[in-house]
Full PDB file with SEQRES, HELIX, SHEET, SSBOND, CRYST1, ORIGX, SCALE, CONECT and MASTER records, all heavy atoms in Angstrom:
SEQRES   1 A   45  VAL ILE GLY VAL LYS GLU THR GLY ASN VAL ASN ASN PRO          
SEQRES   2 A   45  PHE ILE ALA GLU GLY ILE THR ILE GLU HIS MET ALA THR          
SEQRES   3 A   45  TYR ASN TYR ASP ILE MET LYS ASP GLN ILE ALA PRO TYR          
SEQRES   4 A   45  ALA ASP PRO HIS VAL ASN                                      
HELIX    1 AA1 ILE A   21  MET A   24  1                                   4    
HELIX    2 AA2 TYR A   29  ILE A   36  1                                   8    
HELIX    3 AA3 ALA A   37  TYR A   39  5                                   3    
SHEET    1 AA1 2 VAL A   4  GLU A   6  0                                        
SHEET    2 AA1 2 PHE A  14  ALA A  16 -1                                        
CRYST1    1.000    1.000    1.000  90.00  90.00  90.00 P 1           1          
ORIGX1      1.000000  0.000000  0.000000        0.00000                         
ORIGX2      0.000000  1.000000  0.000000        0.00000                         
ORIGX3      0.000000  0.000000  1.000000        0.00000                         
SCALE1      1.000000  0.000000  0.000000        0.00000                         
SCALE2      0.000000  1.000000  0.000000        0.00000                         
SCALE3      0.000000  0.000000  1.000000        0.00000                         
ATOM      1  N   VAL A   1     181.594  -4.170 372.728  1.00  0.00           N  
ATOM      2  CA  VAL A   1     180.743  -3.114 372.138  1.00  0.00           C  
ATOM      3  C   VAL A   1     180.686  -1.935 373.142  1.00  0.00           C  
ATOM      4  O   VAL A   1     180.190  -2.097 374.243  1.00  0.00           O  
ATOM      5  CB  VAL A   1     179.337  -3.661 371.869  1.00  0.00           C  
ATOM      6  CG1 VAL A   1     178.526  -2.572 371.171  1.00  0.00           C  
ATOM      7  CG2 VAL A   1     179.418  -4.944 371.028  1.00  0.00           C  
ATOM      8  N   ILE A   2     181.201  -0.767 372.745  1.00  0.00           N  
ATOM      9  CA  ILE A   2     181.179   0.427 373.613  1.00  0.00           C  
ATOM     10  C   ILE A   2     179.934   1.207 373.265  1.00  0.00           C  
ATOM     11  O   ILE A   2     179.752   1.581 372.133  1.00  0.00           O  
ATOM     12  CB  ILE A   2     182.430   1.244 373.412  1.00  0.00           C  
ATOM     13  CG1 ILE A   2     183.711   0.436 373.355  1.00  0.00           C  
ATOM     14  CG2 ILE A   2     182.564   2.326 374.514  1.00  0.00           C  
ATOM     15  CD1 ILE A   2     184.068  -0.363 374.600  1.00  0.00           C  
ATOM     16  N   GLY A   3     179.126   1.460 374.304  1.00  0.00           N  
ATOM     17  CA  GLY A   3     177.921   2.272 374.108  1.00  0.00           C  
ATOM     18  C   GLY A   3     176.662   1.589 374.616  1.00  0.00           C  
ATOM     19  O   GLY A   3     175.545   2.083 374.346  1.00  0.00           O  
ATOM     20  N   VAL A   4     176.813   0.461 375.275  1.00  0.00           N  
ATOM     21  CA  VAL A   4     175.639  -0.293 375.768  1.00  0.00           C  
ATOM     22  C   VAL A   4     175.773  -0.383 377.262  1.00  0.00           C  
ATOM     23  O   VAL A   4     176.728  -0.918 377.820  1.00  0.00           O  
ATOM     24  CB  VAL A   4     175.530  -1.699 375.165  1.00  0.00           C  
ATOM     25  CG1 VAL A   4     174.386  -2.450 375.704  1.00  0.00           C  
ATOM     26  CG2 VAL A   4     175.467  -1.609 373.595  1.00  0.00           C  
ATOM     27  N   LYS A   5     174.797   0.202 377.969  1.00  0.00           N  
ATOM     28  CA  LYS A   5     174.828   0.269 379.434  1.00  0.00           C  
ATOM     29  C   LYS A   5     174.069  -0.836 380.087  1.00  0.00           C  
ATOM     30  O   LYS A   5     172.957  -1.239 379.630  1.00  0.00           O  
ATOM     31  CB  LYS A   5     174.229   1.623 379.838  1.00  0.00           C  
ATOM     32  CG  LYS A   5     174.302   1.920 381.339  1.00  0.00           C  
ATOM     33  CD  LYS A   5     173.716   3.270 381.613  1.00  0.00           C  
ATOM     34  CE  LYS A   5     173.812   3.536 383.125  1.00  0.00           C  
ATOM     35  NZ  LYS A   5     173.288   4.973 383.402  1.00  0.00           N  
ATOM     36  N   GLU A   6     174.616  -1.367 381.131  1.00  0.00           N  
ATOM     37  CA  GLU A   6     173.893  -2.404 381.923  1.00  0.00           C  
ATOM     38  C   GLU A   6     172.960  -1.662 382.908  1.00  0.00           C  
ATOM     39  O   GLU A   6     173.308  -0.719 383.582  1.00  0.00           O  
ATOM     40  CB  GLU A   6     174.940  -3.236 382.728  1.00  0.00           C  
ATOM     41  CG  GLU A   6     174.335  -4.494 383.332  1.00  0.00           C  
ATOM     42  CD  GLU A   6     175.401  -5.497 383.781  1.00  0.00           C  
ATOM     43  OE1 GLU A   6     176.612  -5.253 383.564  1.00  0.00           O  
ATOM     44  OE2 GLU A   6     174.977  -6.537 384.296  1.00  0.00           O  
ATOM     45  N   THR A   7     171.688  -2.133 382.934  1.00  0.00           N  
ATOM     46  CA  THR A   7     170.625  -1.432 383.714  1.00  0.00           C  
ATOM     47  C   THR A   7     170.421  -2.008 385.121  1.00  0.00           C  
ATOM     48  O   THR A   7     169.946  -1.371 385.939  1.00  0.00           O  
ATOM     49  CB  THR A   7     169.287  -1.483 382.953  1.00  0.00           C  
ATOM     50  OG1 THR A   7     168.890  -2.866 382.858  1.00  0.00           O  
ATOM     51  CG2 THR A   7     169.397  -0.889 381.561  1.00  0.00           C  
ATOM     52  N   GLY A   8     170.743  -3.321 385.238  1.00  0.00           N  
ATOM     53  CA  GLY A   8     170.491  -3.990 386.479  1.00  0.00           C  
ATOM     54  C   GLY A   8     169.042  -4.539 386.541  1.00  0.00           C  
ATOM     55  O   GLY A   8     168.647  -5.207 387.456  1.00  0.00           O  
ATOM     56  N   ASN A   9     168.243  -4.291 385.528  1.00  0.00           N  
ATOM     57  CA  ASN A   9     166.897  -4.752 385.437  1.00  0.00           C  
ATOM     58  C   ASN A   9     166.909  -6.163 384.778  1.00  0.00           C  
ATOM     59  O   ASN A   9     167.444  -6.316 383.656  1.00  0.00           O  
ATOM     60  CB  ASN A   9     166.040  -3.786 384.551  1.00  0.00           C  
ATOM     61  CG  ASN A   9     164.609  -4.220 384.459  1.00  0.00           C  
ATOM     62  OD1 ASN A   9     164.258  -5.330 384.527  1.00  0.00           O  
ATOM     63  ND2 ASN A   9     163.767  -3.190 384.190  1.00  0.00           N  
ATOM     64  N   VAL A  10     166.332  -7.152 385.452  1.00  0.00           N  
ATOM     65  CA  VAL A  10     166.370  -8.534 384.929  1.00  0.00           C  
ATOM     66  C   VAL A  10     165.648  -8.625 383.603  1.00  0.00           C  
ATOM     67  O   VAL A  10     166.052  -9.377 382.650  1.00  0.00           O  
ATOM     68  CB  VAL A  10     165.700  -9.473 385.949  1.00  0.00           C  
ATOM     69  CG1 VAL A  10     165.653 -10.897 385.432  1.00  0.00           C  
ATOM     70  CG2 VAL A  10     166.482  -9.411 387.256  1.00  0.00           C  
ATOM     71  N   ASN A  11     164.477  -7.938 383.436  1.00  0.00           N  
ATOM     72  CA  ASN A  11     163.694  -8.035 382.207  1.00  0.00           C  
ATOM     73  C   ASN A  11     164.328  -7.258 381.093  1.00  0.00           C  
ATOM     74  O   ASN A  11     164.112  -7.572 379.884  1.00  0.00           O  
ATOM     75  CB  ASN A  11     162.308  -7.511 382.410  1.00  0.00           C  
ATOM     76  CG  ASN A  11     161.549  -8.310 383.476  1.00  0.00           C  
ATOM     77  OD1 ASN A  11     161.758  -9.551 383.510  1.00  0.00           O  
ATOM     78  ND2 ASN A  11     160.738  -7.691 384.282  1.00  0.00           N  
ATOM     79  N   ASN A  12     165.081  -6.206 381.327  1.00  0.00           N  
ATOM     80  CA  ASN A  12     165.712  -5.348 380.349  1.00  0.00           C  
ATOM     81  C   ASN A  12     167.141  -5.035 380.774  1.00  0.00           C  
ATOM     82  O   ASN A  12     167.438  -3.909 381.157  1.00  0.00           O  
ATOM     83  CB  ASN A  12     164.849  -4.102 380.203  1.00  0.00           C  
ATOM     84  CG  ASN A  12     164.869  -3.519 378.801  1.00  0.00           C  
ATOM     85  OD1 ASN A  12     165.449  -4.185 377.917  1.00  0.00           O  
ATOM     86  ND2 ASN A  12     164.289  -2.389 378.605  1.00  0.00           N  
ATOM     87  N   PRO A  13     168.028  -5.991 380.695  1.00  0.00           N  
ATOM     88  CA  PRO A  13     169.351  -5.810 381.319  1.00  0.00           C  
ATOM     89  C   PRO A  13     170.276  -4.809 380.642  1.00  0.00           C  
ATOM     90  O   PRO A  13     171.206  -4.288 381.292  1.00  0.00           O  
ATOM     91  CB  PRO A  13     169.985  -7.226 381.273  1.00  0.00           C  
ATOM     92  CG  PRO A  13     169.255  -7.969 380.167  1.00  0.00           C  
ATOM     93  CD  PRO A  13     167.859  -7.379 380.087  1.00  0.00           C  
ATOM     94  N   PHE A  14     170.034  -4.469 379.393  1.00  0.00           N  
ATOM     95  CA  PHE A  14     170.900  -3.528 378.667  1.00  0.00           C  
ATOM     96  C   PHE A  14     170.124  -2.467 377.932  1.00  0.00           C  
ATOM     97  O   PHE A  14     169.059  -2.755 377.445  1.00  0.00           O  
ATOM     98  CB  PHE A  14     171.838  -4.278 377.709  1.00  0.00           C  
ATOM     99  CG  PHE A  14     172.730  -5.268 378.350  1.00  0.00           C  
ATOM    100  CD1 PHE A  14     172.460  -6.666 378.330  1.00  0.00           C  
ATOM    101  CD2 PHE A  14     173.916  -4.890 379.001  1.00  0.00           C  
ATOM    102  CE1 PHE A  14     173.277  -7.567 378.961  1.00  0.00           C  
ATOM    103  CE2 PHE A  14     174.766  -5.815 379.611  1.00  0.00           C  
ATOM    104  CZ  PHE A  14     174.415  -7.138 379.573  1.00  0.00           C  
ATOM    105  N   ILE A  15     170.774  -1.330 377.824  1.00  0.00           N  
ATOM    106  CA  ILE A  15     170.155  -0.227 376.997  1.00  0.00           C  
ATOM    107  C   ILE A  15     171.247   0.296 376.096  1.00  0.00           C  
ATOM    108  O   ILE A  15     172.345   0.637 376.506  1.00  0.00           O  
ATOM    109  CB  ILE A  15     169.517   0.852 377.851  1.00  0.00           C  
ATOM    110  CG1 ILE A  15     168.826   1.889 377.057  1.00  0.00           C  
ATOM    111  CG2 ILE A  15     170.507   1.456 378.831  1.00  0.00           C  
ATOM    112  CD1 ILE A  15     167.970   2.842 377.791  1.00  0.00           C  
ATOM    113  N   ALA A  16     170.872   0.461 374.793  1.00  0.00           N  
ATOM    114  CA  ALA A  16     171.821   0.970 373.765  1.00  0.00           C  
ATOM    115  C   ALA A  16     171.776   2.490 373.757  1.00  0.00           C  
ATOM    116  O   ALA A  16     170.950   3.057 373.152  1.00  0.00           O  
ATOM    117  CB  ALA A  16     171.473   0.367 372.410  1.00  0.00           C  
ATOM    118  N   GLU A  17     172.761   3.105 374.489  1.00  0.00           N  
ATOM    119  CA  GLU A  17     172.819   4.588 374.616  1.00  0.00           C  
ATOM    120  C   GLU A  17     173.783   5.224 373.566  1.00  0.00           C  
ATOM    121  O   GLU A  17     173.648   6.386 373.253  1.00  0.00           O  
ATOM    122  CB  GLU A  17     173.244   4.972 375.994  1.00  0.00           C  
ATOM    123  CG  GLU A  17     172.246   4.582 377.060  1.00  0.00           C  
ATOM    124  CD  GLU A  17     172.717   5.091 378.450  1.00  0.00           C  
ATOM    125  OE1 GLU A  17     173.880   5.236 378.695  1.00  0.00           O  
ATOM    126  OE2 GLU A  17     171.810   5.403 379.251  1.00  0.00           O  
ATOM    127  N   GLY A  18     174.730   4.454 373.109  1.00  0.00           N  
ATOM    128  CA  GLY A  18     175.727   4.991 372.177  1.00  0.00           C  
ATOM    129  C   GLY A  18     176.939   5.501 372.898  1.00  0.00           C  
ATOM    130  O   GLY A  18     176.949   5.617 374.156  1.00  0.00           O  
ATOM    131  N   ILE A  19     178.000   5.790 372.131  1.00  0.00           N  
ATOM    132  CA  ILE A  19     179.198   6.251 372.725  1.00  0.00           C  
ATOM    133  C   ILE A  19     179.378   7.778 372.445  1.00  0.00           C  
ATOM    134  O   ILE A  19     178.953   8.266 371.374  1.00  0.00           O  
ATOM    135  CB  ILE A  19     180.482   5.513 372.150  1.00  0.00           C  
ATOM    136  CG1 ILE A  19     181.760   6.006 372.779  1.00  0.00           C  
ATOM    137  CG2 ILE A  19     180.581   5.649 370.649  1.00  0.00           C  
ATOM    138  CD1 ILE A  19     182.993   5.185 372.421  1.00  0.00           C  
ATOM    139  N   THR A  20     179.874   8.554 373.457  1.00  0.00           N  
ATOM    140  CA  THR A  20     180.001   9.957 373.250  1.00  0.00           C  
ATOM    141  C   THR A  20     181.151  10.284 372.307  1.00  0.00           C  
ATOM    142  O   THR A  20     182.054   9.476 372.210  1.00  0.00           O  
ATOM    143  CB  THR A  20     180.176  10.697 374.611  1.00  0.00           C  
ATOM    144  OG1 THR A  20     181.499  10.297 375.092  1.00  0.00           O  
ATOM    145  CG2 THR A  20     179.131  10.372 375.629  1.00  0.00           C  
ATOM    146  N   ILE A  21     181.064  11.469 371.722  1.00  0.00           N  
ATOM    147  CA  ILE A  21     182.137  11.915 370.818  1.00  0.00           C  
ATOM    148  C   ILE A  21     183.503  11.996 371.544  1.00  0.00           C  
ATOM    149  O   ILE A  21     184.492  11.618 371.034  1.00  0.00           O  
ATOM    150  CB  ILE A  21     181.812  13.273 370.165  1.00  0.00           C  
ATOM    151  CG1 ILE A  21     180.563  13.139 369.280  1.00  0.00           C  
ATOM    152  CG2 ILE A  21     182.941  13.861 369.384  1.00  0.00           C  
ATOM    153  CD1 ILE A  21     179.958  14.450 368.756  1.00  0.00           C  
ATOM    154  N   GLU A  22     183.382  12.507 372.823  1.00  0.00           N  
ATOM    155  CA  GLU A  22     184.641  12.678 373.629  1.00  0.00           C  
ATOM    156  C   GLU A  22     185.313  11.304 373.870  1.00  0.00           C  
ATOM    157  O   GLU A  22     186.503  11.161 373.778  1.00  0.00           O  
ATOM    158  CB  GLU A  22     184.326  13.381 374.944  1.00  0.00           C  
ATOM    159  CG  GLU A  22     183.826  14.804 374.779  1.00  0.00           C  
ATOM    160  CD  GLU A  22     182.367  14.905 374.401  1.00  0.00           C  
ATOM    161  OE1 GLU A  22     181.609  13.957 374.595  1.00  0.00           O  
ATOM    162  OE2 GLU A  22     181.989  15.976 373.850  1.00  0.00           O  
ATOM    163  N   HIS A  23     184.489  10.347 374.269  1.00  0.00           N  
ATOM    164  CA  HIS A  23     185.032   8.977 374.529  1.00  0.00           C  
ATOM    165  C   HIS A  23     185.560   8.343 373.243  1.00  0.00           C  
ATOM    166  O   HIS A  23     186.617   7.683 373.234  1.00  0.00           O  
ATOM    167  CB  HIS A  23     183.964   8.109 375.181  1.00  0.00           C  
ATOM    168  CG  HIS A  23     183.647   8.530 376.561  1.00  0.00           C  
ATOM    169  ND1 HIS A  23     182.538   8.106 377.275  1.00  0.00           N  
ATOM    170  CD2 HIS A  23     184.312   9.358 377.462  1.00  0.00           C  
ATOM    171  CE1 HIS A  23     182.535   8.610 378.473  1.00  0.00           C  
ATOM    172  NE2 HIS A  23     183.618   9.389 378.644  1.00  0.00           N  
ATOM    173  N   MET A  24     184.794   8.485 372.150  1.00  0.00           N  
ATOM    174  CA  MET A  24     185.225   7.904 370.858  1.00  0.00           C  
ATOM    175  C   MET A  24     186.594   8.413 370.470  1.00  0.00           C  
ATOM    176  O   MET A  24     187.411   7.632 369.975  1.00  0.00           O  
ATOM    177  CB  MET A  24     184.221   8.279 369.789  1.00  0.00           C  
ATOM    178  CG  MET A  24     184.511   7.673 368.411  1.00  0.00           C  
ATOM    179  SD  MET A  24     184.035   5.917 368.297  1.00  0.00           S  
ATOM    180  CE  MET A  24     182.326   6.108 367.906  1.00  0.00           C  
ATOM    181  N   ALA A  25     186.894   9.634 370.736  1.00  0.00           N  
ATOM    182  CA  ALA A  25     188.223  10.222 370.335  1.00  0.00           C  
ATOM    183  C   ALA A  25     189.407   9.607 371.050  1.00  0.00           C  
ATOM    184  O   ALA A  25     190.508   9.696 370.588  1.00  0.00           O  
ATOM    185  CB  ALA A  25     188.181  11.749 370.589  1.00  0.00           C  
ATOM    186  N   THR A  26     189.128   8.886 372.156  1.00  0.00           N  
ATOM    187  CA  THR A  26     190.251   8.309 372.951  1.00  0.00           C  
ATOM    188  C   THR A  26     190.678   6.921 372.343  1.00  0.00           C  
ATOM    189  O   THR A  26     191.690   6.391 372.744  1.00  0.00           O  
ATOM    190  CB  THR A  26     189.904   8.128 374.404  1.00  0.00           C  
ATOM    191  OG1 THR A  26     188.834   7.163 374.536  1.00  0.00           O  
ATOM    192  CG2 THR A  26     189.502   9.440 375.000  1.00  0.00           C  
ATOM    193  N   TYR A  27     189.880   6.372 371.449  1.00  0.00           N  
ATOM    194  CA  TYR A  27     190.171   5.008 370.920  1.00  0.00           C  
ATOM    195  C   TYR A  27     191.008   5.183 369.605  1.00  0.00           C  
ATOM    196  O   TYR A  27     190.511   5.278 368.520  1.00  0.00           O  
ATOM    197  CB  TYR A  27     188.911   4.277 370.616  1.00  0.00           C  
ATOM    198  CG  TYR A  27     188.182   3.867 371.896  1.00  0.00           C  
ATOM    199  CD1 TYR A  27     187.304   4.774 372.547  1.00  0.00           C  
ATOM    200  CD2 TYR A  27     188.383   2.632 372.433  1.00  0.00           C  
ATOM    201  CE1 TYR A  27     186.691   4.423 373.719  1.00  0.00           C  
ATOM    202  CE2 TYR A  27     187.766   2.260 373.677  1.00  0.00           C  
ATOM    203  CZ  TYR A  27     186.926   3.194 374.268  1.00  0.00           C  
ATOM    204  OH  TYR A  27     186.262   2.812 375.459  1.00  0.00           O  
ATOM    205  N   ASN A  28     192.322   5.223 369.785  1.00  0.00           N  
ATOM    206  CA  ASN A  28     193.294   5.314 368.658  1.00  0.00           C  
ATOM    207  C   ASN A  28     193.926   3.933 368.486  1.00  0.00           C  
ATOM    208  O   ASN A  28     194.606   3.452 369.391  1.00  0.00           O  
ATOM    209  CB  ASN A  28     194.325   6.387 369.026  1.00  0.00           C  
ATOM    210  CG  ASN A  28     195.412   6.528 367.935  1.00  0.00           C  
ATOM    211  OD1 ASN A  28     196.188   5.624 367.690  1.00  0.00           O  
ATOM    212  ND2 ASN A  28     195.418   7.671 367.315  1.00  0.00           N  
ATOM    213  N   TYR A  29     193.795   3.397 367.345  1.00  0.00           N  
ATOM    214  CA  TYR A  29     194.250   1.988 367.056  1.00  0.00           C  
ATOM    215  C   TYR A  29     195.693   1.809 367.398  1.00  0.00           C  
ATOM    216  O   TYR A  29     196.081   0.870 368.076  1.00  0.00           O  
ATOM    217  CB  TYR A  29     193.969   1.626 365.595  1.00  0.00           C  
ATOM    218  CG  TYR A  29     194.512   0.219 365.231  1.00  0.00           C  
ATOM    219  CD1 TYR A  29     193.774  -0.890 365.617  1.00  0.00           C  
ATOM    220  CD2 TYR A  29     195.724   0.058 364.668  1.00  0.00           C  
ATOM    221  CE1 TYR A  29     194.279  -2.144 365.308  1.00  0.00           C  
ATOM    222  CE2 TYR A  29     196.236  -1.181 364.359  1.00  0.00           C  
ATOM    223  CZ  TYR A  29     195.511  -2.298 364.681  1.00  0.00           C  
ATOM    224  OH  TYR A  29     196.018  -3.525 364.418  1.00  0.00           O  
ATOM    225  N   ASP A  30     196.573   2.723 366.883  1.00  0.00           N  
ATOM    226  CA  ASP A  30     198.007   2.556 367.146  1.00  0.00           C  
ATOM    227  C   ASP A  30     198.437   2.642 368.629  1.00  0.00           C  
ATOM    228  O   ASP A  30     199.229   1.811 369.148  1.00  0.00           O  
ATOM    229  CB  ASP A  30     198.818   3.594 366.329  1.00  0.00           C  
ATOM    230  CG  ASP A  30     198.718   3.373 364.824  1.00  0.00           C  
ATOM    231  OD1 ASP A  30     198.558   2.219 364.417  1.00  0.00           O  
ATOM    232  OD2 ASP A  30     198.742   4.348 364.066  1.00  0.00           O  
ATOM    233  N   ILE A  31     197.777   3.569 369.340  1.00  0.00           N  
ATOM    234  CA  ILE A  31     198.055   3.697 370.761  1.00  0.00           C  
ATOM    235  C   ILE A  31     197.590   2.421 371.509  1.00  0.00           C  
ATOM    236  O   ILE A  31     198.263   1.841 372.369  1.00  0.00           O  
ATOM    237  CB  ILE A  31     197.396   4.987 371.308  1.00  0.00           C  
ATOM    238  CG1 ILE A  31     198.166   6.216 370.757  1.00  0.00           C  
ATOM    239  CG2 ILE A  31     197.436   4.939 372.864  1.00  0.00           C  
ATOM    240  CD1 ILE A  31     197.443   7.520 371.077  1.00  0.00           C  
ATOM    241  N   MET A  32     196.436   2.001 371.175  1.00  0.00           N  
ATOM    242  CA  MET A  32     195.817   0.798 371.810  1.00  0.00           C  
ATOM    243  C   MET A  32     196.709  -0.456 371.531  1.00  0.00           C  
ATOM    244  O   MET A  32     196.984  -1.188 372.428  1.00  0.00           O  
ATOM    245  CB  MET A  32     194.432   0.513 371.258  1.00  0.00           C  
ATOM    246  CG  MET A  32     193.361   1.576 371.692  1.00  0.00           C  
ATOM    247  SD  MET A  32     191.858   1.420 370.739  1.00  0.00           S  
ATOM    248  CE  MET A  32     191.195  -0.105 371.352  1.00  0.00           C  
ATOM    249  N   LYS A  33     197.197  -0.623 370.336  1.00  0.00           N  
ATOM    250  CA  LYS A  33     198.069  -1.743 369.984  1.00  0.00           C  
ATOM    251  C   LYS A  33     199.327  -1.719 370.790  1.00  0.00           C  
ATOM    252  O   LYS A  33     199.780  -2.694 371.310  1.00  0.00           O  
ATOM    253  CB  LYS A  33     198.308  -1.680 368.485  1.00  0.00           C  
ATOM    254  CG  LYS A  33     199.029  -2.887 367.937  1.00  0.00           C  
ATOM    255  CD  LYS A  33     198.094  -3.700 367.075  1.00  0.00           C  
ATOM    256  CE  LYS A  33     198.791  -4.892 366.458  1.00  0.00           C  
ATOM    257  NZ  LYS A  33     197.964  -6.036 366.346  1.00  0.00           N  
ATOM    258  N   ASP A  34     199.931  -0.483 370.876  1.00  0.00           N  
ATOM    259  CA  ASP A  34     201.155  -0.384 371.648  1.00  0.00           C  
ATOM    260  C   ASP A  34     200.948  -0.679 373.146  1.00  0.00           C  
ATOM    261  O   ASP A  34     201.847  -1.191 373.791  1.00  0.00           O  
ATOM    262  CB  ASP A  34     201.694   1.101 371.491  1.00  0.00           C  
ATOM    263  CG  ASP A  34     202.337   1.346 370.092  1.00  0.00           C  
ATOM    264  OD1 ASP A  34     202.569   0.356 369.410  1.00  0.00           O  
ATOM    265  OD2 ASP A  34     202.541   2.488 369.775  1.00  0.00           O  
ATOM    266  N   GLN A  35     199.797  -0.245 373.679  1.00  0.00           N  
ATOM    267  CA  GLN A  35     199.564  -0.448 375.097  1.00  0.00           C  
ATOM    268  C   GLN A  35     199.173  -1.873 375.441  1.00  0.00           C  
ATOM    269  O   GLN A  35     199.421  -2.318 376.557  1.00  0.00           O  
ATOM    270  CB  GLN A  35     198.432   0.525 375.549  1.00  0.00           C  
ATOM    271  CG  GLN A  35     198.952   1.955 375.571  1.00  0.00           C  
ATOM    272  CD  GLN A  35     197.885   2.953 376.026  1.00  0.00           C  
ATOM    273  OE1 GLN A  35     196.715   2.595 376.186  1.00  0.00           O  
ATOM    274  NE2 GLN A  35     198.259   4.183 376.247  1.00  0.00           N  
ATOM    275  N   ILE A  36     198.542  -2.598 374.538  1.00  0.00           N  
ATOM    276  CA  ILE A  36     198.150  -4.022 374.739  1.00  0.00           C  
ATOM    277  C   ILE A  36     199.353  -4.938 374.618  1.00  0.00           C  
ATOM    278  O   ILE A  36     199.481  -5.936 375.319  1.00  0.00           O  
ATOM    279  CB  ILE A  36     196.997  -4.444 373.791  1.00  0.00           C  
ATOM    280  CG1 ILE A  36     195.683  -3.756 374.118  1.00  0.00           C  
ATOM    281  CG2 ILE A  36     196.832  -5.944 373.742  1.00  0.00           C  
ATOM    282  CD1 ILE A  36     195.026  -4.233 375.431  1.00  0.00           C  
ATOM    283  N   ALA A  37     200.272  -4.582 373.664  1.00  0.00           N  
ATOM    284  CA  ALA A  37     201.409  -5.493 373.340  1.00  0.00           C  
ATOM    285  C   ALA A  37     202.193  -5.966 374.564  1.00  0.00           C  
ATOM    286  O   ALA A  37     202.586  -7.138 374.612  1.00  0.00           O  
ATOM    287  CB  ALA A  37     202.288  -4.768 372.319  1.00  0.00           C  
ATOM    288  N   PRO A  38     202.530  -5.097 375.517  1.00  0.00           N  
ATOM    289  CA  PRO A  38     203.360  -5.601 376.629  1.00  0.00           C  
ATOM    290  C   PRO A  38     202.682  -6.631 377.530  1.00  0.00           C  
ATOM    291  O   PRO A  38     203.335  -7.249 378.351  1.00  0.00           O  
ATOM    292  CB  PRO A  38     203.591  -4.361 377.497  1.00  0.00           C  
ATOM    293  CG  PRO A  38     203.337  -3.205 376.561  1.00  0.00           C  
ATOM    294  CD  PRO A  38     202.348  -3.642 375.633  1.00  0.00           C  
ATOM    295  N   TYR A  39     201.344  -6.870 377.365  1.00  0.00           N  
ATOM    296  CA  TYR A  39     200.628  -7.838 378.177  1.00  0.00           C  
ATOM    297  C   TYR A  39     200.382  -9.148 377.521  1.00  0.00           C  
ATOM    298  O   TYR A  39     199.994 -10.139 378.204  1.00  0.00           O  
ATOM    299  CB  TYR A  39     199.259  -7.291 378.506  1.00  0.00           C  
ATOM    300  CG  TYR A  39     199.299  -6.055 379.455  1.00  0.00           C  
ATOM    301  CD1 TYR A  39     199.291  -4.814 378.967  1.00  0.00           C  
ATOM    302  CD2 TYR A  39     199.318  -6.259 380.841  1.00  0.00           C  
ATOM    303  CE1 TYR A  39     199.373  -3.681 379.848  1.00  0.00           C  
ATOM    304  CE2 TYR A  39     199.380  -5.184 381.714  1.00  0.00           C  
ATOM    305  CZ  TYR A  39     199.419  -3.904 381.216  1.00  0.00           C  
ATOM    306  OH  TYR A  39     199.513  -2.818 382.032  1.00  0.00           O  
ATOM    307  N   ALA A  40     200.668  -9.244 376.189  1.00  0.00           N  
ATOM    308  CA  ALA A  40     200.269 -10.448 375.429  1.00  0.00           C  
ATOM    309  C   ALA A  40     201.436 -11.099 374.693  1.00  0.00           C  
ATOM    310  O   ALA A  40     202.234 -10.404 374.023  1.00  0.00           O  
ATOM    311  CB  ALA A  40     199.175 -10.054 374.472  1.00  0.00           C  
ATOM    312  N   ASP A  41     201.505 -12.384 374.788  1.00  0.00           N  
ATOM    313  CA  ASP A  41     202.436 -13.171 374.058  1.00  0.00           C  
ATOM    314  C   ASP A  41     201.763 -14.409 373.444  1.00  0.00           C  
ATOM    315  O   ASP A  41     201.277 -15.259 374.249  1.00  0.00           O  
ATOM    316  CB  ASP A  41     203.671 -13.569 374.844  1.00  0.00           C  
ATOM    317  CG  ASP A  41     204.698 -14.365 374.028  1.00  0.00           C  
ATOM    318  OD1 ASP A  41     204.811 -14.063 372.843  1.00  0.00           O  
ATOM    319  OD2 ASP A  41     205.338 -15.271 374.602  1.00  0.00           O  
ATOM    320  N   PRO A  42     201.613 -14.595 372.110  1.00  0.00           N  
ATOM    321  CA  PRO A  42     201.986 -13.563 371.080  1.00  0.00           C  
ATOM    322  C   PRO A  42     201.026 -12.375 371.092  1.00  0.00           C  
ATOM    323  O   PRO A  42     200.177 -12.327 371.974  1.00  0.00           O  
ATOM    324  CB  PRO A  42     201.894 -14.406 369.799  1.00  0.00           C  
ATOM    325  CG  PRO A  42     201.025 -15.556 370.111  1.00  0.00           C  
ATOM    326  CD  PRO A  42     201.141 -15.802 371.570  1.00  0.00           C  
ATOM    327  N   HIS A  43     201.143 -11.515 370.110  1.00  0.00           N  
ATOM    328  CA  HIS A  43     200.336 -10.293 370.098  1.00  0.00           C  
ATOM    329  C   HIS A  43     198.834 -10.560 369.789  1.00  0.00           C  
ATOM    330  O   HIS A  43     198.505 -11.647 369.254  1.00  0.00           O  
ATOM    331  CB  HIS A  43     200.872  -9.313 369.065  1.00  0.00           C  
ATOM    332  CG  HIS A  43     200.749  -9.880 367.622  1.00  0.00           C  
ATOM    333  ND1 HIS A  43     201.627 -10.744 367.131  1.00  0.00           N  
ATOM    334  CD2 HIS A  43     199.838  -9.601 366.706  1.00  0.00           C  
ATOM    335  CE1 HIS A  43     201.240 -11.009 365.894  1.00  0.00           C  
ATOM    336  NE2 HIS A  43     200.155 -10.347 365.549  1.00  0.00           N  
ATOM    337  N   VAL A  44     198.020  -9.645 370.166  1.00  0.00           N  
ATOM    338  CA  VAL A  44     196.575  -9.698 369.976  1.00  0.00           C  
ATOM    339  C   VAL A  44     196.234  -8.931 368.690  1.00  0.00           C  
ATOM    340  O   VAL A  44     196.641  -7.775 368.537  1.00  0.00           O  
ATOM    341  CB  VAL A  44     195.793  -9.083 371.172  1.00  0.00           C  
ATOM    342  CG1 VAL A  44     194.272  -9.077 370.896  1.00  0.00           C  
ATOM    343  CG2 VAL A  44     196.107  -9.870 372.462  1.00  0.00           C  
ATOM    344  N   ASN A  45     195.432  -9.541 367.776  1.00  0.00           N  
ATOM    345  CA  ASN A  45     194.979  -8.795 366.623  1.00  0.00           C  
ATOM    346  C   ASN A  45     193.528  -8.327 366.812  1.00  0.00           C  
ATOM    347  O   ASN A  45     192.685  -9.069 367.330  1.00  0.00           O  
ATOM    348  CB  ASN A  45     194.942  -9.762 365.394  1.00  0.00           C  
ATOM    349  CG  ASN A  45     196.359 -10.149 364.986  1.00  0.00           C  
ATOM    350  OD1 ASN A  45     197.223  -9.232 364.900  1.00  0.00           O  
ATOM    351  ND2 ASN A  45     196.622 -11.394 364.720  1.00  0.00           N  
TER     352      ASN A  45                                                      
MASTER        0    0    0    3    2    0    0    6  351    1    0    4          
END                                                                             
């Protein structure tokens, strides 16, 4: 899950801040699939 920050606080370890538009634009399924493929046998779905 992209958009949840670890706080370091034991009582409240995570805060849901969301993902920025700029960061979201970098997640392209086809590019990700091509870049993961050389590391995995068989492929990851």
